[in-house]
Amino acid sequence: MKIVILERNSVGEDVDVSPFESLGEVVIYPTTPPHLAAERIKDADIVVANKTPLTKEVLETAANLKLISEFATGYDNIDVDYCKTRGIAVTNVSGYSTDSVAQHTLAMALYLEEHLFYYNAYVKSGAYSAQDNFCNFDRRYNEFGSLCWGIIGMGAIGQKVAHLASAFGAKVIYCSISGEKRDLPYEQVSFEEILKRSDILSLHCMLSDQTRHLIGEAALSKMKKNAILLNVARGAVVDTKALYQALKNDTIGAAGLDVLEKEPMSKDDPLLLLQDSEKLIITPHMAWGSTQARTRLVGEACENIRCFLQGEKRNRIV
């Protein structure tokens, strides 16, 4: 079996991908631009991909292709309907990054709520050394036990964040955009109510027609003036231009983003104009990628291939 890994660097160069070598002949590419995909997979039996578009036109060149193993949970880069007509199996990996994303969500919340950027800069500027008092309270901050933490998207990650926030003492409420009732130990509220009540609002929902620009000008205007918005879901759940205006005009207190509408970030993204790191923190879509999560991802993708070769169905989309 010839296994072609199209985007080895998508799991990080520090994570070992040698386990694939026990499954067949392996050809590895650090990254694959779309225009090279067809040429690189033309004689592959198995393709390991992440974001590279595997359209009908690309897949038609791969006469021997039997399996696409995704280095991800999402598989919208694959023409699944064409795979069905060709009998090409497709597998993905889910659940590997739950702990990592939840941890990053808490990290951003703590960073913003406790004004850690300000206090670190205050000390390193020499201002602390120059003052008489042993402490400084220029920026007020709150214990999580006094706050209401709202969650939109109560899947595995949302529930993990709820558990962690509760452990810190926060009052957790959640909203289901689909309206689905869940048997969970947290208060379920409407979209309007979660906007009004949340001191911290974290987004963990899927991107769909219902959730695209869910957090726009109207939603932001209903949030508390000191509220913190955290987006670790998909960039387009938040309207970038509306968020820029809300932060610029102090409509909300602060935002932490790990995802953006365009990735990598556009050079003309208005959020780049907001250099105040007390008000806005942006990380480069890395919440999912703890060392442990990426190692799990590689292991699961390998196991998906191993099971396929043994005639077993595991994590099959197609």
C-alpha atoms as a PDB file:
ATOM      1  CA  MET A   1       0.000   0.000   0.000  1.00  0.00           C
ATOM      2  CA  LYS A   2       1.272   3.464  -0.886  1.00  0.00           C
ATOM      3  CA  ILE A   3       0.320   6.026   1.742  1.00  0.00           C
ATOM      4  CA  VAL A   4       0.651   9.709   0.836  1.00  0.00           C
ATOM      5  CA  ILE A   5       0.610  12.214   3.688  1.00  0.00           C
ATOM      6  CA  LEU A   6      -0.241  15.558   2.098  1.00  0.00           C
ATOM      7  CA  GLU A   7       0.103  17.873   5.111  1.00  0.00           C
ATOM      8  CA  ARG A   8       2.569  16.433   7.572  1.00  0.00           C
ATOM      9  CA  ASN A   9       3.184  19.858   9.159  1.00  0.00           C
ATOM     10  CA  SER A  10      -0.496  20.245  10.058  1.00  0.00           C
ATOM     11  CA  VAL A  11       0.157  18.098  13.142  1.00  0.00           C
ATOM     12  CA  GLY A  12       3.418  19.844  14.015  1.00  0.00           C
ATOM     13  CA  GLU A  13       6.962  18.834  13.211  1.00  0.00           C
ATOM     14  CA  ASP A  14       7.524  17.842  16.840  1.00  0.00           C
ATOM     15  CA  VAL A  15       4.991  15.005  16.657  1.00  0.00           C
ATOM     16  CA  ASP A  16       6.221  11.641  15.373  1.00  0.00           C
ATOM     17  CA  VAL A  17       4.468  10.276  12.270  1.00  0.00           C
ATOM     18  CA  SER A  18       6.722   7.234  11.846  1.00  0.00           C
ATOM     19  CA  PRO A  19       3.943   4.810  12.977  1.00  0.00           C
ATOM     20  CA  PHE A  20       2.489   5.139   9.459  1.00  0.00           C
ATOM     21  CA  GLU A  21       5.580   3.356   8.141  1.00  0.00           C
ATOM     22  CA  SER A  22       4.368   0.081   9.646  1.00  0.00           C
ATOM     23  CA  LEU A  23       1.298   0.251   7.387  1.00  0.00           C
ATOM     24  CA  GLY A  24       2.921   0.596   3.972  1.00  0.00           C
ATOM     25  CA  GLU A  25       5.206   2.671   1.776  1.00  0.00           C
ATOM     26  CA  VAL A  26       4.904   6.261   3.024  1.00  0.00           C
ATOM     27  CA  VAL A  27       5.469   9.445   1.019  1.00  0.00           C
ATOM     28  CA  ILE A  28       5.416  12.613   3.094  1.00  0.00           C
ATOM     29  CA  TYR A  29       4.867  16.218   2.016  1.00  0.00           C
ATOM     30  CA  PRO A  30       5.183  19.027   4.595  1.00  0.00           C
ATOM     31  CA  THR A  31       2.311  20.933   2.937  1.00  0.00           C
ATOM     32  CA  THR A  32       0.404  20.587  -0.319  1.00  0.00           C
ATOM     33  CA  PRO A  33      -0.935  23.564  -2.244  1.00  0.00           C
ATOM     34  CA  PRO A  34      -4.191  22.735  -4.071  1.00  0.00           C
ATOM     35  CA  HIS A  35      -2.643  22.813  -7.552  1.00  0.00           C
ATOM     36  CA  LEU A  36      -0.222  19.998  -6.630  1.00  0.00           C
ATOM     37  CA  ALA A  37      -2.721  17.665  -4.951  1.00  0.00           C
ATOM     38  CA  ALA A  38      -3.744  15.709  -8.048  1.00  0.00           C
ATOM     39  CA  GLU A  39      -0.162  14.970  -9.082  1.00  0.00           C
ATOM     40  CA  ARG A  40       0.838  13.883  -5.573  1.00  0.00           C
ATOM     41  CA  ILE A  41      -1.984  11.382  -5.065  1.00  0.00           C
ATOM     42  CA  LYS A  42      -2.213   9.945  -8.584  1.00  0.00           C
ATOM     43  CA  ASP A  43      -0.694   6.567  -7.596  1.00  0.00           C
ATOM     44  CA  ALA A  44      -1.697   6.532  -3.902  1.00  0.00           C
ATOM     45  CA  ASP A  45      -3.720   3.754  -2.278  1.00  0.00           C
ATOM     46  CA  ILE A  46      -4.301   5.789   0.882  1.00  0.00           C
ATOM     47  CA  VAL A  47      -4.223   9.557   1.357  1.00  0.00           C
ATOM     48  CA  VAL A  48      -3.816  11.314   4.704  1.00  0.00           C
ATOM     49  CA  ALA A  49      -5.070  14.913   4.497  1.00  0.00           C
ATOM     50  CA  ASN A  50      -6.287  17.824   6.578  1.00  0.00           C
ATOM     51  CA  LYS A  51      -7.237  20.970   4.638  1.00  0.00           C
ATOM     52  CA  THR A  52      -6.076  20.146   1.109  1.00  0.00           C
ATOM     53  CA  PRO A  53      -9.165  20.240  -1.168  1.00  0.00           C
ATOM     54  CA  LEU A  54      -9.848  16.724  -2.428  1.00  0.00           C
ATOM     55  CA  THR A  55     -12.406  17.577  -5.077  1.00  0.00           C
ATOM     56  CA  LYS A  56     -13.811  15.287  -7.736  1.00  0.00           C
ATOM     57  CA  GLU A  57     -11.302  16.704 -10.227  1.00  0.00           C
ATOM     58  CA  VAL A  58      -8.398  15.918  -7.902  1.00  0.00           C
ATOM     59  CA  LEU A  59      -9.670  12.477  -6.906  1.00  0.00           C
ATOM     60  CA  GLU A  60     -10.333  11.405 -10.497  1.00  0.00           C
ATOM     61  CA  THR A  61      -6.570  11.260 -11.074  1.00  0.00           C
ATOM     62  CA  ALA A  62      -6.116   8.719  -8.251  1.00  0.00           C
ATOM     63  CA  ALA A  63      -7.148   5.461  -9.884  1.00  0.00           C
ATOM     64  CA  ASN A  64      -5.842   3.271  -7.024  1.00  0.00           C
ATOM     65  CA  LEU A  65      -7.261   5.318  -4.155  1.00  0.00           C
ATOM     66  CA  LYS A  66      -9.076   3.231  -1.547  1.00  0.00           C
ATOM     67  CA  LEU A  67      -9.072   5.371   1.618  1.00  0.00           C
ATOM     68  CA  ILE A  68      -8.785   8.995   2.718  1.00  0.00           C
ATOM     69  CA  SER A  69      -7.802   9.280   6.376  1.00  0.00           C
ATOM     70  CA  GLU A  70      -8.428  12.762   7.716  1.00  0.00           C
ATOM     71  CA  PHE A  71      -5.979  14.385  10.124  1.00  0.00           C
ATOM     72  CA  ALA A  72      -9.027  16.170  11.587  1.00  0.00           C
ATOM     73  CA  THR A  73     -12.631  15.912  12.709  1.00  0.00           C
ATOM     74  CA  GLY A  74     -14.063  18.021   9.894  1.00  0.00           C
ATOM     75  CA  TYR A  75     -14.033  16.655   6.341  1.00  0.00           C
ATOM     76  CA  ASP A  76     -15.512  19.483   4.282  1.00  0.00           C
ATOM     77  CA  ASN A  77     -12.334  19.491   2.178  1.00  0.00           C
ATOM     78  CA  ILE A  78     -13.418  16.146   0.672  1.00  0.00           C
ATOM     79  CA  ASP A  79     -16.008  15.571  -2.048  1.00  0.00           C
ATOM     80  CA  VAL A  80     -17.790  12.916  -0.017  1.00  0.00           C
ATOM     81  CA  ASP A  81     -20.483  12.297  -2.659  1.00  0.00           C
ATOM     82  CA  TYR A  82     -17.850  11.484  -5.259  1.00  0.00           C
ATOM     83  CA  CYS A  83     -16.105   9.156  -2.803  1.00  0.00           C
ATOM     84  CA  LYS A  84     -19.375   7.269  -2.375  1.00  0.00           C
ATOM     85  CA  THR A  85     -19.732   6.768  -6.122  1.00  0.00           C
ATOM     86  CA  ARG A  86     -16.132   5.536  -6.383  1.00  0.00           C
ATOM     87  CA  GLY A  87     -16.237   3.374  -3.260  1.00  0.00           C
ATOM     88  CA  ILE A  88     -13.447   5.391  -1.630  1.00  0.00           C
ATOM     89  CA  ALA A  89     -13.632   5.074   2.161  1.00  0.00           C
ATOM     90  CA  VAL A  90     -13.273   8.190   4.313  1.00  0.00           C
ATOM     91  CA  THR A  91     -12.372   8.260   8.014  1.00  0.00           C
ATOM     92  CA  ASN A  92     -11.936  11.084  10.507  1.00  0.00           C
ATOM     93  CA  VAL A  93     -10.848  11.557  14.127  1.00  0.00           C
ATOM     94  CA  SER A  94     -13.057  13.109  16.792  1.00  0.00           C
ATOM     95  CA  GLY A  95     -12.668  13.886  20.475  1.00  0.00           C
ATOM     96  CA  TYR A  96      -8.879  14.054  20.458  1.00  0.00           C
ATOM     97  CA  SER A  97      -8.681  17.803  21.256  1.00  0.00           C
ATOM     98  CA  THR A  98     -11.449  18.254  23.838  1.00  0.00           C
ATOM     99  CA  ASP A  99      -9.143  18.751  26.817  1.00  0.00           C
ATOM    100  CA  SER A 100      -6.766  20.975  24.872  1.00  0.00           C
ATOM    101  CA  VAL A 101      -9.461  23.367  23.595  1.00  0.00           C
ATOM    102  CA  ALA A 102     -11.172  23.547  26.988  1.00  0.00           C
ATOM    103  CA  GLN A 103      -7.863  24.346  28.689  1.00  0.00           C
ATOM    104  CA  HIS A 104      -7.116  27.110  26.177  1.00  0.00           C
ATOM    105  CA  THR A 105     -10.576  28.575  26.720  1.00  0.00           C
ATOM    106  CA  LEU A 106      -9.913  28.827  30.459  1.00  0.00           C
ATOM    107  CA  ALA A 107      -6.453  30.277  29.826  1.00  0.00           C
ATOM    108  CA  MET A 108      -7.852  33.113  27.698  1.00  0.00           C
ATOM    109  CA  ALA A 109     -10.583  33.816  30.244  1.00  0.00           C
ATOM    110  CA  LEU A 110      -8.071  34.055  33.100  1.00  0.00           C
ATOM    111  CA  TYR A 111      -5.694  36.206  31.055  1.00  0.00           C
ATOM    112  CA  LEU A 112      -8.407  38.734  30.225  1.00  0.00           C
ATOM    113  CA  GLU A 113     -10.336  38.709  33.498  1.00  0.00           C
ATOM    114  CA  GLU A 114      -7.222  39.205  35.624  1.00  0.00           C
ATOM    115  CA  HIS A 115      -5.656  41.821  33.308  1.00  0.00           C
ATOM    116  CA  LEU A 116      -2.450  39.816  33.244  1.00  0.00           C
ATOM    117  CA  PHE A 117      -1.048  41.742  30.288  1.00  0.00           C
ATOM    118  CA  TYR A 118      -1.378  45.031  32.156  1.00  0.00           C
ATOM    119  CA  TYR A 119       0.102  43.813  35.428  1.00  0.00           C
ATOM    120  CA  ASN A 120       3.029  42.061  33.758  1.00  0.00           C
ATOM    121  CA  ALA A 121       3.818  45.208  31.741  1.00  0.00           C
ATOM    122  CA  TYR A 122       3.427  47.347  34.881  1.00  0.00           C
ATOM    123  CA  VAL A 123       6.081  45.364  36.730  1.00  0.00           C
ATOM    124  CA  LYS A 124       8.503  45.094  33.809  1.00  0.00           C
ATOM    125  CA  SER A 125       8.224  48.825  33.039  1.00  0.00           C
ATOM    126  CA  GLY A 126       9.789  49.608  36.406  1.00  0.00           C
ATOM    127  CA  ALA A 127       6.632  51.241  37.757  1.00  0.00           C
ATOM    128  CA  TYR A 128       6.258  48.616  40.476  1.00  0.00           C
ATOM    129  CA  SER A 129       9.832  49.115  41.666  1.00  0.00           C
ATOM    130  CA  ALA A 130       9.218  52.859  41.827  1.00  0.00           C
ATOM    131  CA  GLN A 131       6.071  52.712  43.993  1.00  0.00           C
ATOM    132  CA  ASP A 132       5.911  52.712  47.787  1.00  0.00           C
ATOM    133  CA  ASN A 133       3.106  50.179  48.286  1.00  0.00           C
ATOM    134  CA  PHE A 134       3.770  46.427  48.066  1.00  0.00           C
ATOM    135  CA  CYS A 135       0.770  45.808  45.774  1.00  0.00           C
ATOM    136  CA  ASN A 136      -1.167  47.455  42.945  1.00  0.00           C
ATOM    137  CA  PHE A 137      -4.848  47.366  42.038  1.00  0.00           C
ATOM    138  CA  ASP A 138      -5.052  49.641  39.005  1.00  0.00           C
ATOM    139  CA  ARG A 139      -7.232  47.078  37.247  1.00  0.00           C
ATOM    140  CA  ARG A 140     -10.078  45.434  39.116  1.00  0.00           C
ATOM    141  CA  TYR A 141     -10.665  41.743  38.570  1.00  0.00           C
ATOM    142  CA  ASN A 142     -13.258  39.247  39.749  1.00  0.00           C
ATOM    143  CA  GLU A 143     -13.271  35.729  41.114  1.00  0.00           C
ATOM    144  CA  PHE A 144     -14.983  33.302  38.772  1.00  0.00           C
ATOM    145  CA  GLY A 145     -17.268  32.399  41.663  1.00  0.00           C
ATOM    146  CA  SER A 146     -18.954  35.779  41.255  1.00  0.00           C
ATOM    147  CA  LEU A 147     -19.442  35.428  37.491  1.00  0.00           C
ATOM    148  CA  CYS A 148     -21.982  33.910  35.117  1.00  0.00           C
ATOM    149  CA  TRP A 149     -20.331  31.876  32.355  1.00  0.00           C
ATOM    150  CA  GLY A 150     -22.470  31.338  29.264  1.00  0.00           C
ATOM    151  CA  ILE A 151     -21.767  28.575  26.762  1.00  0.00           C
ATOM    152  CA  ILE A 152     -23.119  28.295  23.227  1.00  0.00           C
ATOM    153  CA  GLY A 153     -22.541  24.787  21.928  1.00  0.00           C
ATOM    154  CA  MET A 154     -22.801  22.055  24.560  1.00  0.00           C
ATOM    155  CA  GLY A 155     -20.969  19.270  22.786  1.00  0.00           C
ATOM    156  CA  ALA A 156     -17.969  17.516  24.300  1.00  0.00           C
ATOM    157  CA  ILE A 157     -15.844  20.684  24.407  1.00  0.00           C
ATOM    158  CA  GLY A 158     -18.655  22.861  25.724  1.00  0.00           C
ATOM    159  CA  GLN A 159     -19.356  20.363  28.497  1.00  0.00           C
ATOM    160  CA  LYS A 160     -15.673  20.164  29.422  1.00  0.00           C
ATOM    161  CA  VAL A 161     -15.507  23.968  29.646  1.00  0.00           C
ATOM    162  CA  ALA A 162     -18.662  23.948  31.765  1.00  0.00           C
ATOM    163  CA  HIS A 163     -17.041  21.428  34.127  1.00  0.00           C
ATOM    164  CA  LEU A 164     -13.860  23.509  34.443  1.00  0.00           C
ATOM    165  CA  ALA A 165     -15.735  26.798  34.862  1.00  0.00           C
ATOM    166  CA  SER A 166     -17.907  25.210  37.542  1.00  0.00           C
ATOM    167  CA  ALA A 167     -14.795  23.957  39.331  1.00  0.00           C
ATOM    168  CA  PHE A 168     -13.689  27.599  39.534  1.00  0.00           C
ATOM    169  CA  GLY A 169     -17.091  28.432  41.029  1.00  0.00           C
ATOM    170  CA  ALA A 170     -18.715  30.132  38.042  1.00  0.00           C
ATOM    171  CA  LYS A 171     -22.464  29.927  37.484  1.00  0.00           C
ATOM    172  CA  VAL A 172     -22.768  28.101  34.148  1.00  0.00           C
ATOM    173  CA  ILE A 173     -25.672  28.630  31.773  1.00  0.00           C
ATOM    174  CA  TYR A 174     -25.954  27.448  28.199  1.00  0.00           C
ATOM    175  CA  CYS A 175     -27.919  27.935  25.014  1.00  0.00           C
ATOM    176  CA  SER A 176     -28.728  25.449  22.275  1.00  0.00           C
ATOM    177  CA  ILE A 177     -29.103  27.249  18.950  1.00  0.00           C
ATOM    178  CA  SER A 178     -31.040  24.282  17.571  1.00  0.00           C
ATOM    179  CA  GLY A 179     -33.381  24.389  20.562  1.00  0.00           C
ATOM    180  CA  GLU A 180     -32.496  20.829  21.589  1.00  0.00           C
ATOM    181  CA  LYS A 181     -33.194  20.055  25.239  1.00  0.00           C
ATOM    182  CA  ARG A 182     -30.277  18.430  27.029  1.00  0.00           C
ATOM    183  CA  ASP A 183     -30.214  16.556  30.323  1.00  0.00           C
ATOM    184  CA  LEU A 184     -27.341  18.494  31.859  1.00  0.00           C
ATOM    185  CA  PRO A 185     -26.704  19.904  35.346  1.00  0.00           C
ATOM    186  CA  TYR A 186     -26.704  23.478  34.015  1.00  0.00           C
ATOM    187  CA  GLU A 187     -29.432  25.994  33.325  1.00  0.00           C
ATOM    188  CA  GLN A 188     -30.541  26.104  29.696  1.00  0.00           C
ATOM    189  CA  VAL A 189     -31.590  29.576  28.540  1.00  0.00           C
ATOM    190  CA  SER A 190     -32.600  31.383  25.354  1.00  0.00           C
ATOM    191  CA  PHE A 191     -30.114  33.123  23.076  1.00  0.00           C
ATOM    192  CA  GLU A 192     -31.367  36.521  24.217  1.00  0.00           C
ATOM    193  CA  GLU A 193     -30.954  35.600  27.876  1.00  0.00           C
ATOM    194  CA  ILE A 194     -27.455  34.189  27.519  1.00  0.00           C
ATOM    195  CA  LEU A 195     -26.340  37.437  25.896  1.00  0.00           C
ATOM    196  CA  LYS A 196     -27.803  39.530  28.712  1.00  0.00           C
ATOM    197  CA  ARG A 197     -26.623  37.411  31.654  1.00  0.00           C
ATOM    198  CA  SER A 198     -23.136  36.234  30.686  1.00  0.00           C
ATOM    199  CA  ASP A 199     -20.055  37.840  32.182  1.00  0.00           C
ATOM    200  CA  ILE A 200     -18.034  35.405  30.089  1.00  0.00           C
ATOM    201  CA  LEU A 201     -19.537  33.961  26.901  1.00  0.00           C
ATOM    202  CA  SER A 202     -17.649  31.151  25.175  1.00  0.00           C
ATOM    203  CA  LEU A 203     -18.529  29.750  21.766  1.00  0.00           C
ATOM    204  CA  HIS A 204     -18.149  26.033  21.026  1.00  0.00           C
ATOM    205  CA  CYS A 205     -20.809  25.531  18.343  1.00  0.00           C
ATOM    206  CA  MET A 206     -20.496  24.238  14.799  1.00  0.00           C
ATOM    207  CA  LEU A 207     -20.554  26.636  11.862  1.00  0.00           C
ATOM    208  CA  SER A 208     -23.830  26.399   9.960  1.00  0.00           C
ATOM    209  CA  ASP A 209     -26.338  28.670   8.278  1.00  0.00           C
ATOM    210  CA  GLN A 210     -27.857  29.157  11.742  1.00  0.00           C
ATOM    211  CA  THR A 211     -24.624  30.121  13.443  1.00  0.00           C
ATOM    212  CA  ARG A 212     -22.809  32.127  10.748  1.00  0.00           C
ATOM    213  CA  HIS A 213     -22.368  35.657  12.198  1.00  0.00           C
ATOM    214  CA  LEU A 214     -24.467  34.583  15.170  1.00  0.00           C
ATOM    215  CA  ILE A 215     -22.494  37.088  17.210  1.00  0.00           C
ATOM    216  CA  GLY A 216     -22.972  40.255  15.197  1.00  0.00           C
ATOM    217  CA  GLU A 217     -23.816  43.865  15.930  1.00  0.00           C
ATOM    218  CA  ALA A 218     -27.268  43.093  17.371  1.00  0.00           C
ATOM    219  CA  ALA A 219     -25.995  40.332  19.667  1.00  0.00           C
ATOM    220  CA  LEU A 220     -22.982  42.308  20.864  1.00  0.00           C
ATOM    221  CA  SER A 221     -25.187  45.279  21.732  1.00  0.00           C
ATOM    222  CA  LYS A 222     -27.168  43.082  24.152  1.00  0.00           C
ATOM    223  CA  MET A 223     -24.122  41.868  26.097  1.00  0.00           C
ATOM    224  CA  LYS A 224     -22.832  43.384  29.314  1.00  0.00           C
ATOM    225  CA  LYS A 225     -20.388  46.261  28.883  1.00  0.00           C
ATOM    226  CA  ASN A 226     -17.716  44.365  30.813  1.00  0.00           C
ATOM    227  CA  ALA A 227     -18.444  40.965  29.209  1.00  0.00           C
ATOM    228  CA  ILE A 228     -15.678  38.784  27.815  1.00  0.00           C
ATOM    229  CA  LEU A 229     -16.354  36.966  24.525  1.00  0.00           C
ATOM    230  CA  LEU A 230     -14.331  33.832  23.722  1.00  0.00           C
ATOM    231  CA  ASN A 231     -14.450  32.163  20.315  1.00  0.00           C
ATOM    232  CA  VAL A 232     -12.816  28.754  20.000  1.00  0.00           C
ATOM    233  CA  ALA A 233     -15.483  27.422  17.620  1.00  0.00           C
ATOM    234  CA  ARG A 234     -15.250  28.684  14.028  1.00  0.00           C
ATOM    235  CA  GLY A 235     -14.224  32.178  13.005  1.00  0.00           C
ATOM    236  CA  ALA A 236     -17.357  32.978  11.025  1.00  0.00           C
ATOM    237  CA  VAL A 237     -19.604  32.461  14.078  1.00  0.00           C
ATOM    238  CA  VAL A 238     -18.502  36.014  14.957  1.00  0.00           C
ATOM    239  CA  ASP A 239     -18.879  38.971  12.591  1.00  0.00           C
ATOM    240  CA  THR A 240     -15.343  40.386  12.546  1.00  0.00           C
ATOM    241  CA  LYS A 241     -16.317  43.939  11.618  1.00  0.00           C
ATOM    242  CA  ALA A 242     -19.026  44.044  14.273  1.00  0.00           C
ATOM    243  CA  LEU A 243     -16.625  42.745  16.921  1.00  0.00           C
ATOM    244  CA  TYR A 244     -14.029  45.342  15.955  1.00  0.00           C
ATOM    245  CA  GLN A 245     -16.579  48.125  16.440  1.00  0.00           C
ATOM    246  CA  ALA A 246     -17.836  46.631  19.712  1.00  0.00           C
ATOM    247  CA  LEU A 247     -14.330  46.505  21.174  1.00  0.00           C
ATOM    248  CA  LYS A 248     -13.363  49.912  19.792  1.00  0.00           C
ATOM    249  CA  ASN A 249     -16.494  51.522  21.243  1.00  0.00           C
ATOM    250  CA  ASP A 250     -16.388  49.610  24.558  1.00  0.00           C
ATOM    251  CA  THR A 251     -19.697  47.878  23.820  1.00  0.00           C
ATOM    252  CA  ILE A 252     -18.187  44.793  25.487  1.00  0.00           C
ATOM    253  CA  GLY A 253     -15.179  44.471  27.756  1.00  0.00           C
ATOM    254  CA  ALA A 254     -12.828  42.143  25.914  1.00  0.00           C
ATOM    255  CA  ALA A 255     -12.521  39.216  23.513  1.00  0.00           C
ATOM    256  CA  GLY A 256     -10.312  36.160  23.172  1.00  0.00           C
ATOM    257  CA  LEU A 257     -10.156  34.524  19.743  1.00  0.00           C
ATOM    258  CA  ASP A 258      -8.441  31.385  18.552  1.00  0.00           C
ATOM    259  CA  VAL A 259     -10.313  31.291  15.240  1.00  0.00           C
ATOM    260  CA  LEU A 260     -10.928  33.919  12.575  1.00  0.00           C
ATOM    261  CA  GLU A 261     -13.124  34.312   9.520  1.00  0.00           C
ATOM    262  CA  LYS A 262     -10.065  33.988   7.285  1.00  0.00           C
ATOM    263  CA  GLU A 263      -7.113  31.821   8.277  1.00  0.00           C
ATOM    264  CA  PRO A 264      -4.298  32.697   8.143  1.00  0.00           C
ATOM    265  CA  MET A 265      -5.435  36.157   9.210  1.00  0.00           C
ATOM    266  CA  SER A 266      -5.824  38.769   6.475  1.00  0.00           C
ATOM    267  CA  LYS A 267      -3.294  41.565   6.593  1.00  0.00           C
ATOM    268  CA  ASP A 268      -6.168  44.054   6.396  1.00  0.00           C
ATOM    269  CA  ASP A 269      -8.242  42.426   9.155  1.00  0.00           C
ATOM    270  CA  PRO A 270      -9.611  45.309  11.246  1.00  0.00           C
ATOM    271  CA  LEU A 271      -8.828  43.428  14.451  1.00  0.00           C
ATOM    272  CA  LEU A 272      -5.138  44.059  13.789  1.00  0.00           C
ATOM    273  CA  LEU A 273      -5.857  47.732  14.477  1.00  0.00           C
ATOM    274  CA  LEU A 274      -6.680  46.835  18.081  1.00  0.00           C
ATOM    275  CA  GLN A 275      -3.277  46.600  19.706  1.00  0.00           C
ATOM    276  CA  ASP A 276      -4.652  46.748  23.262  1.00  0.00           C
ATOM    277  CA  SER A 277      -3.897  43.281  24.626  1.00  0.00           C
ATOM    278  CA  GLU A 278      -6.082  43.899  27.672  1.00  0.00           C
ATOM    279  CA  LYS A 279      -9.045  44.191  25.331  1.00  0.00           C
ATOM    280  CA  LEU A 280      -8.223  41.581  22.710  1.00  0.00           C
ATOM    281  CA  ILE A 281      -6.084  38.447  22.577  1.00  0.00           C
ATOM    282  CA  ILE A 282      -5.806  36.426  19.364  1.00  0.00           C
ATOM    283  CA  THR A 283      -4.051  33.074  19.058  1.00  0.00           C
ATOM    284  CA  PRO A 284      -3.333  31.348  15.701  1.00  0.00           C
ATOM    285  CA  HIS A 285      -5.875  28.489  15.719  1.00  0.00           C
ATOM    286  CA  MET A 286      -3.787  26.486  18.166  1.00  0.00           C
ATOM    287  CA  ALA A 287      -6.241  25.735  20.970  1.00  0.00           C
ATOM    288  CA  TRP A 288      -6.709  22.195  19.650  1.00  0.00           C
ATOM    289  CA  GLY A 289      -3.012  21.465  19.416  1.00  0.00           C
ATOM    290  CA  SER A 290      -1.487  20.483  22.742  1.00  0.00           C
ATOM    291  CA  THR A 291       1.332  17.976  22.314  1.00  0.00           C
ATOM    292  CA  GLN A 292      -0.911  15.274  23.727  1.00  0.00           C
ATOM    293  CA  ALA A 293      -3.848  16.139  21.438  1.00  0.00           C
ATOM    294  CA  ARG A 294      -1.716  16.088  18.292  1.00  0.00           C
ATOM    295  CA  THR A 295      -0.122  12.817  19.335  1.00  0.00           C
ATOM    296  CA  ARG A 296      -3.596  11.332  19.861  1.00  0.00           C
ATOM    297  CA  LEU A 297      -4.653  12.602  16.436  1.00  0.00           C
ATOM    298  CA  VAL A 298      -1.770  10.866  14.665  1.00  0.00           C
ATOM    299  CA  GLY A 299      -2.364   7.670  16.613  1.00  0.00           C
ATOM    300  CA  GLU A 300      -6.069   7.639  15.794  1.00  0.00           C
ATOM    301  CA  ALA A 301      -5.485   8.344  12.097  1.00  0.00           C
ATOM    302  CA  CYS A 302      -3.002   5.447  12.018  1.00  0.00           C
ATOM    303  CA  GLU A 303      -5.447   3.159  13.758  1.00  0.00           C
ATOM    304  CA  ASN A 304      -8.165   4.114  11.265  1.00  0.00           C
ATOM    305  CA  ILE A 305      -5.884   2.949   8.438  1.00  0.00           C
ATOM    306  CA  ARG A 306      -4.844  -0.226  10.267  1.00  0.00           C
ATOM    307  CA  CYS A 307      -8.479  -1.194  10.843  1.00  0.00           C
ATOM    308  CA  PHE A 308      -9.372  -0.441   7.228  1.00  0.00           C
ATOM    309  CA  LEU A 309      -6.597  -2.728   6.000  1.00  0.00           C
ATOM    310  CA  GLN A 310      -7.925  -5.464   8.287  1.00  0.00           C
ATOM    311  CA  GLY A 311     -11.431  -5.074   6.876  1.00  0.00           C
ATOM    312  CA  GLU A 312     -12.833  -3.324   9.942  1.00  0.00           C
ATOM    313  CA  LYS A 313     -14.978  -0.188   9.930  1.00  0.00           C
ATOM    314  CA  ARG A 314     -13.666   2.444  12.323  1.00  0.00           C
ATOM    315  CA  ASN A 315     -14.533   6.150  12.361  1.00  0.00           C
ATOM    316  CA  ARG A 316     -15.983   5.790   8.888  1.00  0.00           C
ATOM    317  CA  ILE A 317     -17.690   8.740   7.221  1.00  0.00           C
ATOM    318  CA  VAL A 318     -17.961   6.821   3.943  1.00  0.00           C
END
